[in-house]
Amino acid sequence: MANESERSKVILFDPNAKTETYKRSDHNDFATASELKQRKFSGWRVNKLSMENELWVNGEIVRRVSAAQEALDPMACVKVQMEYFGLK
């Protein structure tokens, strides 16, 4: 069509589309928050949506460190972890 708009060429993402042979990794880096909770995950995770570092203990987020906090103090995560576990 001569008058076809640019928007008509956009392909929308279908979250239910078949992915052929792709299978998401079971590694914790690719897990959702609900999966980490179910797995009773303990450790640090970077939440790419909120840009926060999250300290998880037994499937619960116990502390958060924002990107701004970390920019002001590169040792912020270490300090938060030490404080939480009483290592000061």
PDB file of N, CA and C in Angstrom:
ATOM      1  N   MET A   1       0.833  -1.185   0.000  1.00  0.00           N
ATOM      2  CA  MET A   1       0.000   0.000   0.000  1.00  0.00           C
ATOM      3  C   MET A   1       0.879   1.251   0.000  1.00  0.00           C
ATOM      4  N   ALA A   2       0.469   2.219  -0.707  1.00  0.00           N
ATOM      5  CA  ALA A   2       1.248   3.442  -0.792  1.00  0.00           C
ATOM      6  C   ALA A   2       1.135   4.283   0.474  1.00  0.00           C
ATOM      7  N   ASN A   3       0.008   4.254   1.155  1.00  0.00           N
ATOM      8  CA  ASN A   3      -0.208   5.084   2.346  1.00  0.00           C
ATOM      9  C   ASN A   3      -0.040   4.313   3.647  1.00  0.00           C
ATOM     10  N   GLU A   4       0.664   3.222   3.591  1.00  0.00           N
ATOM     11  CA  GLU A   4       0.847   2.399   4.787  1.00  0.00           C
ATOM     12  C   GLU A   4       1.663   3.166   5.829  1.00  0.00           C
ATOM     13  N   SER A   5       1.168   3.223   7.054  1.00  0.00           N
ATOM     14  CA  SER A   5       1.873   3.977   8.097  1.00  0.00           C
ATOM     15  C   SER A   5       3.021   3.150   8.665  1.00  0.00           C
ATOM     16  N   GLU A   6       3.950   3.840   9.304  1.00  0.00           N
ATOM     17  CA  GLU A   6       5.080   3.164   9.944  1.00  0.00           C
ATOM     18  C   GLU A   6       4.599   2.252  11.064  1.00  0.00           C
ATOM     19  N   ARG A   7       3.528   2.652  11.746  1.00  0.00           N
ATOM     20  CA  ARG A   7       3.026   1.866  12.877  1.00  0.00           C
ATOM     21  C   ARG A   7       2.499   0.502  12.447  1.00  0.00           C
ATOM     22  N   SER A   8       2.041   0.386  11.234  1.00  0.00           N
ATOM     23  CA  SER A   8       1.500  -0.895  10.778  1.00  0.00           C
ATOM     24  C   SER A   8       2.603  -1.920  10.580  1.00  0.00           C
ATOM     25  N   LYS A   9       3.865  -1.480  10.552  1.00  0.00           N
ATOM     26  CA  LYS A   9       4.988  -2.393  10.379  1.00  0.00           C
ATOM     27  C   LYS A   9       5.517  -2.917  11.712  1.00  0.00           C
ATOM     28  N   VAL A  10       4.995  -2.392  12.814  1.00  0.00           N
ATOM     29  CA  VAL A  10       5.462  -2.797  14.134  1.00  0.00           C
ATOM     30  C   VAL A  10       4.923  -4.177  14.471  1.00  0.00           C
ATOM     31  N   ILE A  11       5.811  -5.043  14.918  1.00  0.00           N
ATOM     32  CA  ILE A  11       5.410  -6.378  15.337  1.00  0.00           C
ATOM     33  C   ILE A  11       5.326  -6.376  16.854  1.00  0.00           C
ATOM     34  N   LEU A  12       4.154  -6.638  17.379  1.00  0.00           N
ATOM     35  CA  LEU A  12       3.966  -6.643  18.824  1.00  0.00           C
ATOM     36  C   LEU A  12       4.494  -7.938  19.420  1.00  0.00           C
ATOM     37  N   PHE A  13       5.003  -7.836  20.626  1.00  0.00           N
ATOM     38  CA  PHE A  13       5.525  -8.994  21.344  1.00  0.00           C
ATOM     39  C   PHE A  13       4.369  -9.836  21.881  1.00  0.00           C
ATOM     40  N   ASP A  14       4.416 -11.108  21.631  1.00  0.00           N
ATOM     41  CA  ASP A  14       3.403 -12.033  22.144  1.00  0.00           C
ATOM     42  C   ASP A  14       4.045 -12.872  23.237  1.00  0.00           C
ATOM     43  N   PRO A  15       3.720 -12.614  24.533  1.00  0.00           N
ATOM     44  CA  PRO A  15       4.352 -13.358  25.619  1.00  0.00           C
ATOM     45  C   PRO A  15       4.008 -14.843  25.633  1.00  0.00           C
ATOM     46  N   ASN A  16       2.982 -15.225  24.894  1.00  0.00           N
ATOM     47  CA  ASN A  16       2.569 -16.633  24.859  1.00  0.00           C
ATOM     48  C   ASN A  16       3.055 -17.356  23.613  1.00  0.00           C
ATOM     49  N   ALA A  17       3.873 -16.700  22.825  1.00  0.00           N
ATOM     50  CA  ALA A  17       4.373 -17.310  21.585  1.00  0.00           C
ATOM     51  C   ALA A  17       5.292 -18.479  21.908  1.00  0.00           C
ATOM     52  N   LYS A  18       5.263 -19.477  21.075  1.00  0.00           N
ATOM     53  CA  LYS A  18       6.149 -20.626  21.224  1.00  0.00           C
ATOM     54  C   LYS A  18       7.586 -20.178  21.001  1.00  0.00           C
ATOM     55  N   THR A  19       8.500 -20.711  21.776  1.00  0.00           N
ATOM     56  CA  THR A  19       9.903 -20.310  21.665  1.00  0.00           C
ATOM     57  C   THR A  19      10.777 -21.409  21.067  1.00  0.00           C
ATOM     58  N   GLU A  20      10.164 -22.332  20.385  1.00  0.00           N
ATOM     59  CA  GLU A  20      10.876 -23.433  19.749  1.00  0.00           C
ATOM     60  C   GLU A  20      11.718 -24.174  20.767  1.00  0.00           C
ATOM     61  N   THR A  21      13.044 -24.066  20.682  1.00  0.00           N
ATOM     62  CA  THR A  21      13.887 -24.858  21.572  1.00  0.00           C
ATOM     63  C   THR A  21      14.461 -24.050  22.733  1.00  0.00           C
ATOM     64  N   TYR A  22      14.155 -22.745  22.818  1.00  0.00           N
ATOM     65  CA  TYR A  22      14.721 -21.928  23.892  1.00  0.00           C
ATOM     66  C   TYR A  22      14.099 -22.306  25.232  1.00  0.00           C
ATOM     67  N   LYS A  23      14.950 -22.476  26.238  1.00  0.00           N
ATOM     68  CA  LYS A  23      14.491 -22.738  27.594  1.00  0.00           C
ATOM     69  C   LYS A  23      15.269 -21.817  28.514  1.00  0.00           C
ATOM     70  N   ARG A  24      14.548 -21.044  29.320  1.00  0.00           N
ATOM     71  CA  ARG A  24      15.188 -20.115  30.249  1.00  0.00           C
ATOM     72  C   ARG A  24      16.005 -20.902  31.254  1.00  0.00           C
ATOM     73  N   SER A  25      17.185 -20.386  31.568  1.00  0.00           N
ATOM     74  CA  SER A  25      18.084 -21.030  32.512  1.00  0.00           C
ATOM     75  C   SER A  25      17.453 -21.100  33.902  1.00  0.00           C
ATOM     76  N   ASP A  26      17.781 -22.133  34.643  1.00  0.00           N
ATOM     77  CA  ASP A  26      17.294 -22.273  36.017  1.00  0.00           C
ATOM     78  C   ASP A  26      18.180 -21.520  37.013  1.00  0.00           C
ATOM     79  N   HIS A  27      19.237 -20.886  36.515  1.00  0.00           N
ATOM     80  CA  HIS A  27      20.156 -20.160  37.390  1.00  0.00           C
ATOM     81  C   HIS A  27      19.434 -19.004  38.085  1.00  0.00           C
ATOM     82  N   ASN A  28      19.840 -18.698  39.310  1.00  0.00           N
ATOM     83  CA  ASN A  28      19.194 -17.639  40.087  1.00  0.00           C
ATOM     84  C   ASN A  28      19.248 -16.271  39.410  1.00  0.00           C
ATOM     85  N   ASP A  29      20.234 -16.025  38.556  1.00  0.00           N
ATOM     86  CA  ASP A  29      20.319 -14.750  37.846  1.00  0.00           C
ATOM     87  C   ASP A  29      19.111 -14.520  36.946  1.00  0.00           C
ATOM     88  N   PHE A  30      18.440 -15.571  36.539  1.00  0.00           N
ATOM     89  CA  PHE A  30      17.319 -15.461  35.618  1.00  0.00           C
ATOM     90  C   PHE A  30      15.980 -15.718  36.309  1.00  0.00           C
ATOM     91  N   ALA A  31      15.985 -15.904  37.614  1.00  0.00           N
ATOM     92  CA  ALA A  31      14.772 -16.220  38.355  1.00  0.00           C
ATOM     93  C   ALA A  31      13.969 -14.972  38.683  1.00  0.00           C
ATOM     94  N   THR A  32      12.669 -15.138  38.783  1.00  0.00           N
ATOM     95  CA  THR A  32      11.804 -14.049  39.226  1.00  0.00           C
ATOM     96  C   THR A  32      11.846 -13.980  40.749  1.00  0.00           C
ATOM     97  N   ALA A  33      11.322 -12.897  41.303  1.00  0.00           N
ATOM     98  CA  ALA A  33      11.297 -12.741  42.759  1.00  0.00           C
ATOM     99  C   ALA A  33      10.506 -13.884  43.408  1.00  0.00           C
ATOM    100  N   SER A  34       9.406 -14.280  42.800  1.00  0.00           N
ATOM    101  CA  SER A  34       8.616 -15.376  43.388  1.00  0.00           C
ATOM    102  C   SER A  34       9.375 -16.700  43.336  1.00  0.00           C
ATOM    103  N   GLU A  35      10.173 -16.918  42.294  1.00  0.00           N
ATOM    104  CA  GLU A  35      10.982 -18.134  42.215  1.00  0.00           C
ATOM    105  C   GLU A  35      12.088 -18.115  43.269  1.00  0.00           C
ATOM    106  N   LEU A  36      12.703 -16.953  43.477  1.00  0.00           N
ATOM    107  CA  LEU A  36      13.745 -16.846  44.503  1.00  0.00           C
ATOM    108  C   LEU A  36      13.151 -17.089  45.889  1.00  0.00           C
ATOM    109  N   LYS A  37      11.954 -16.582  46.106  1.00  0.00           N
ATOM    110  CA  LYS A  37      11.279 -16.801  47.389  1.00  0.00           C
ATOM    111  C   LYS A  37      11.021 -18.292  47.600  1.00  0.00           C
ATOM    112  N   GLN A  38      10.529 -18.945  46.579  1.00  0.00           N
ATOM    113  CA  GLN A  38      10.231 -20.375  46.649  1.00  0.00           C
ATOM    114  C   GLN A  38      11.505 -21.197  46.878  1.00  0.00           C
ATOM    115  N   ARG A  39      12.609 -20.783  46.280  1.00  0.00           N
ATOM    116  CA  ARG A  39      13.882 -21.494  46.419  1.00  0.00           C
ATOM    117  C   ARG A  39      14.601 -21.171  47.726  1.00  0.00           C
ATOM    118  N   LYS A  40      14.051 -20.221  48.493  1.00  0.00           N
ATOM    119  CA  LYS A  40      14.687 -19.776  49.748  1.00  0.00           C
ATOM    120  C   LYS A  40      16.100 -19.252  49.459  1.00  0.00           C
ATOM    121  N   PHE A  41      16.197 -18.437  48.406  1.00  0.00           N
ATOM    122  CA  PHE A  41      17.465 -17.870  47.962  1.00  0.00           C
ATOM    123  C   PHE A  41      18.092 -16.989  49.035  1.00  0.00           C
ATOM    124  N   SER A  42      19.387 -17.078  49.184  1.00  0.00           N
ATOM    125  CA  SER A  42      20.170 -16.188  50.045  1.00  0.00           C
ATOM    126  C   SER A  42      21.326 -15.640  49.226  1.00  0.00           C
ATOM    127  N   GLY A  43      21.483 -14.319  49.230  1.00  0.00           N
ATOM    128  CA  GLY A  43      22.561 -13.678  48.498  1.00  0.00           C
ATOM    129  C   GLY A  43      22.129 -12.319  48.002  1.00  0.00           C
ATOM    130  N   TRP A  44      22.973 -11.720  47.174  1.00  0.00           N
ATOM    131  CA  TRP A  44      22.677 -10.418  46.596  1.00  0.00           C
ATOM    132  C   TRP A  44      22.095 -10.596  45.208  1.00  0.00           C
ATOM    133  N   ARG A  45      21.131  -9.751  44.865  1.00  0.00           N
ATOM    134  CA  ARG A  45      20.559  -9.727  43.518  1.00  0.00           C
ATOM    135  C   ARG A  45      20.422  -8.272  43.099  1.00  0.00           C
ATOM    136  N   VAL A  46      20.731  -7.978  41.847  1.00  0.00           N
ATOM    137  CA  VAL A  46      20.514  -6.640  41.303  1.00  0.00           C
ATOM    138  C   VAL A  46      19.170  -6.643  40.604  1.00  0.00           C
ATOM    139  N   ASN A  47      18.257  -5.835  41.096  1.00  0.00           N
ATOM    140  CA  ASN A  47      16.949  -5.699  40.473  1.00  0.00           C
ATOM    141  C   ASN A  47      17.077  -4.664  39.365  1.00  0.00           C
ATOM    142  N   LYS A  48      17.030  -5.110  38.133  1.00  0.00           N
ATOM    143  CA  LYS A  48      17.250  -4.230  36.988  1.00  0.00           C
ATOM    144  C   LYS A  48      16.091  -3.248  36.786  1.00  0.00           C
ATOM    145  N   LEU A  49      14.913  -3.558  37.301  1.00  0.00           N
ATOM    146  CA  LEU A  49      13.783  -2.651  37.156  1.00  0.00           C
ATOM    147  C   LEU A  49      13.887  -1.468  38.114  1.00  0.00           C
ATOM    148  N   SER A  50      14.205  -1.742  39.368  1.00  0.00           N
ATOM    149  CA  SER A  50      14.303  -0.672  40.370  1.00  0.00           C
ATOM    150  C   SER A  50      15.728  -0.140  40.514  1.00  0.00           C
ATOM    151  N   MET A  51      16.687  -0.828  39.895  1.00  0.00           N
ATOM    152  CA  MET A  51      18.111  -0.477  39.991  1.00  0.00           C
ATOM    153  C   MET A  51      18.588  -0.493  41.449  1.00  0.00           C
ATOM    154  N   GLU A  52      18.093  -1.456  42.205  1.00  0.00           N
ATOM    155  CA  GLU A  52      18.507  -1.634  43.594  1.00  0.00           C
ATOM    156  C   GLU A  52      19.237  -2.955  43.742  1.00  0.00           C
ATOM    157  N   ASN A  53      20.175  -2.974  44.677  1.00  0.00           N
ATOM    158  CA  ASN A  53      20.786  -4.230  45.088  1.00  0.00           C
ATOM    159  C   ASN A  53      19.931  -4.752  46.237  1.00  0.00           C
ATOM    160  N   GLU A  54      19.555  -6.012  46.171  1.00  0.00           N
ATOM    161  CA  GLU A  54      18.703  -6.600  47.197  1.00  0.00           C
ATOM    162  C   GLU A  54      19.471  -7.689  47.935  1.00  0.00           C
ATOM    163  N   LEU A  55      19.456  -7.630  49.246  1.00  0.00           N
ATOM    164  CA  LEU A  55      20.043  -8.686  50.069  1.00  0.00           C
ATOM    165  C   LEU A  55      18.915  -9.633  50.449  1.00  0.00           C
ATOM    166  N   TRP A  56      19.030 -10.866  49.987  1.00  0.00           N
ATOM    167  CA  TRP A  56      18.024 -11.899  50.250  1.00  0.00           C
ATOM    168  C   TRP A  56      18.560 -12.866  51.292  1.00  0.00           C
ATOM    169  N   VAL A  57      17.707 -13.251  52.228  1.00  0.00           N
ATOM    170  CA  VAL A  57      18.042 -14.271  53.223  1.00  0.00           C
ATOM    171  C   VAL A  57      16.850 -15.210  53.331  1.00  0.00           C
ATOM    172  N   ASN A  58      17.082 -16.471  53.031  1.00  0.00           N
ATOM    173  CA  ASN A  58      16.044 -17.504  53.085  1.00  0.00           C
ATOM    174  C   ASN A  58      14.765 -17.112  52.352  1.00  0.00           C
ATOM    175  N   GLY A  59      14.925 -16.557  51.153  1.00  0.00           N
ATOM    176  CA  GLY A  59      13.778 -16.264  50.303  1.00  0.00           C
ATOM    177  C   GLY A  59      13.071 -14.954  50.604  1.00  0.00           C
ATOM    178  N   GLU A  60      13.653 -14.115  51.422  1.00  0.00           N
ATOM    179  CA  GLU A  60      13.052 -12.820  51.746  1.00  0.00           C
ATOM    180  C   GLU A  60      14.065 -11.709  51.518  1.00  0.00           C
ATOM    181  N   ILE A  61      13.603 -10.572  51.017  1.00  0.00           N
ATOM    182  CA  ILE A  61      14.470  -9.405  50.879  1.00  0.00           C
ATOM    183  C   ILE A  61      14.558  -8.748  52.250  1.00  0.00           C
ATOM    184  N   VAL A  62      15.777  -8.678  52.790  1.00  0.00           N
ATOM    185  CA  VAL A  62      15.955  -8.115  54.128  1.00  0.00           C
ATOM    186  C   VAL A  62      16.532  -6.699  54.098  1.00  0.00           C
ATOM    187  N   ARG A  63      17.214  -6.347  53.019  1.00  0.00           N
ATOM    188  CA  ARG A  63      17.772  -5.005  52.878  1.00  0.00           C
ATOM    189  C   ARG A  63      17.847  -4.654  51.392  1.00  0.00           C
ATOM    190  N   ARG A  64      17.779  -3.349  51.124  1.00  0.00           N
ATOM    191  CA  ARG A  64      17.942  -2.834  49.759  1.00  0.00           C
ATOM    192  C   ARG A  64      18.971  -1.719  49.772  1.00  0.00           C
ATOM    193  N   VAL A  65      19.751  -1.636  48.709  1.00  0.00           N
ATOM    194  CA  VAL A  65      20.720  -0.549  48.540  1.00  0.00           C
ATOM    195  C   VAL A  65      20.462   0.045  47.158  1.00  0.00           C
ATOM    196  N   SER A  66      20.098   1.329  47.129  1.00  0.00           N
ATOM    197  CA  SER A  66      19.789   1.980  45.854  1.00  0.00           C
ATOM    198  C   SER A  66      21.069   2.285  45.088  1.00  0.00           C
ATOM    199  N   ALA A  67      20.892   2.538  43.807  1.00  0.00           N
ATOM    200  CA  ALA A  67      22.032   2.909  42.965  1.00  0.00           C
ATOM    201  C   ALA A  67      22.638   4.220  43.458  1.00  0.00           C
ATOM    202  N   ALA A  68      21.797   5.128  43.952  1.00  0.00           N
ATOM    203  CA  ALA A  68      22.291   6.414  44.469  1.00  0.00           C
ATOM    204  C   ALA A  68      23.146   6.202  45.717  1.00  0.00           C
ATOM    205  N   GLN A  69      22.688   5.314  46.614  1.00  0.00           N
ATOM    206  CA  GLN A  69      23.466   5.015  47.819  1.00  0.00           C
ATOM    207  C   GLN A  69      24.823   4.426  47.442  1.00  0.00           C
ATOM    208  N   GLU A  70      24.808   3.528  46.482  1.00  0.00           N
ATOM    209  CA  GLU A  70      26.049   2.871  46.065  1.00  0.00           C
ATOM    210  C   GLU A  70      26.994   3.851  45.361  1.00  0.00           C
ATOM    211  N   ALA A  71      26.413   4.819  44.640  1.00  0.00           N
ATOM    212  CA  ALA A  71      27.239   5.830  43.977  1.00  0.00           C
ATOM    213  C   ALA A  71      27.941   6.714  45.012  1.00  0.00           C
ATOM    214  N   LEU A  72      27.229   7.020  46.102  1.00  0.00           N
ATOM    215  CA  LEU A  72      27.811   7.843  47.164  1.00  0.00           C
ATOM    216  C   LEU A  72      28.844   7.072  47.977  1.00  0.00           C
ATOM    217  N   ASP A  73      28.587   5.776  48.160  1.00  0.00           N
ATOM    218  CA  ASP A  73      29.483   4.942  48.963  1.00  0.00           C
ATOM    219  C   ASP A  73      29.626   3.576  48.301  1.00  0.00           C
ATOM    220  N   PRO A  74      30.701   3.339  47.565  1.00  0.00           N
ATOM    221  CA  PRO A  74      30.897   2.055  46.885  1.00  0.00           C
ATOM    222  C   PRO A  74      30.895   0.848  47.835  1.00  0.00           C
ATOM    223  N   MET A  75      31.085   1.078  49.125  1.00  0.00           N
ATOM    224  CA  MET A  75      31.078  -0.006  50.110  1.00  0.00           C
ATOM    225  C   MET A  75      29.710  -0.171  50.781  1.00  0.00           C
ATOM    226  N   ALA A  76      28.689   0.489  50.254  1.00  0.00           N
ATOM    227  CA  ALA A  76      27.361   0.467  50.883  1.00  0.00           C
ATOM    228  C   ALA A  76      26.824  -0.950  51.052  1.00  0.00           C
ATOM    229  N   CYS A  77      26.946  -1.795  50.046  1.00  0.00           N
ATOM    230  CA  CYS A  77      26.421  -3.171  50.141  1.00  0.00           C
ATOM    231  C   CYS A  77      27.163  -3.959  51.217  1.00  0.00           C
ATOM    232  N   VAL A  78      28.468  -3.789  51.267  1.00  0.00           N
ATOM    233  CA  VAL A  78      29.266  -4.486  52.278  1.00  0.00           C
ATOM    234  C   VAL A  78      28.843  -4.029  53.670  1.00  0.00           C
ATOM    235  N   LYS A  79      28.668  -2.721  53.844  1.00  0.00           N
ATOM    236  CA  LYS A  79      28.271  -2.184  55.144  1.00  0.00           C
ATOM    237  C   LYS A  79      26.894  -2.671  55.562  1.00  0.00           C
ATOM    238  N   VAL A  80      25.966  -2.693  54.622  1.00  0.00           N
ATOM    239  CA  VAL A  80      24.606  -3.176  54.909  1.00  0.00           C
ATOM    240  C   VAL A  80      24.646  -4.640  55.318  1.00  0.00           C
ATOM    241  N   GLN A  81      25.413  -5.438  54.610  1.00  0.00           N
ATOM    242  CA  GLN A  81      25.526  -6.870  54.921  1.00  0.00           C
ATOM    243  C   GLN A  81      26.152  -7.073  56.291  1.00  0.00           C
ATOM    244  N   MET A  82      27.193  -6.337  56.588  1.00  0.00           N
ATOM    245  CA  MET A  82      27.849  -6.459  57.899  1.00  0.00           C
ATOM    246  C   MET A  82      26.900  -6.042  59.025  1.00  0.00           C
ATOM    247  N   GLU A  83      26.165  -4.962  58.784  1.00  0.00           N
ATOM    248  CA  GLU A  83      25.211  -4.505  59.796  1.00  0.00           C
ATOM    249  C   GLU A  83      24.111  -5.559  60.019  1.00  0.00           C
ATOM    250  N   TYR A  84      23.569  -6.100  58.922  1.00  0.00           N
ATOM    251  CA  TYR A  84      22.475  -7.081  59.048  1.00  0.00           C
ATOM    252  C   TYR A  84      22.926  -8.315  59.824  1.00  0.00           C
ATOM    253  N   PHE A  85      24.115  -8.795  59.536  1.00  0.00           N
ATOM    254  CA  PHE A  85      24.590 -10.016  60.172  1.00  0.00           C
ATOM    255  C   PHE A  85      25.358  -9.758  61.468  1.00  0.00           C
ATOM    256  N   GLY A  86      25.370  -8.502  61.924  1.00  0.00           N
ATOM    257  CA  GLY A  86      26.003  -8.178  63.204  1.00  0.00           C
ATOM    258  C   GLY A  86      27.500  -8.329  63.194  1.00  0.00           C
ATOM    259  N   LEU A  87      28.137  -7.959  62.102  1.00  0.00           N
ATOM    260  CA  LEU A  87      29.587  -8.120  61.972  1.00  0.00           C
ATOM    261  C   LEU A  87      30.348  -6.817  62.191  1.00  0.00           C
ATOM    262  N   LYS A  88      29.685  -5.832  62.755  1.00  0.00           N
ATOM    263  CA  LYS A  88      30.358  -4.547  63.011  1.00  0.00           C
ATOM    264  C   LYS A  88      31.114  -4.593  64.291  1.00  0.00           C
TER     265      LYS A  88
END
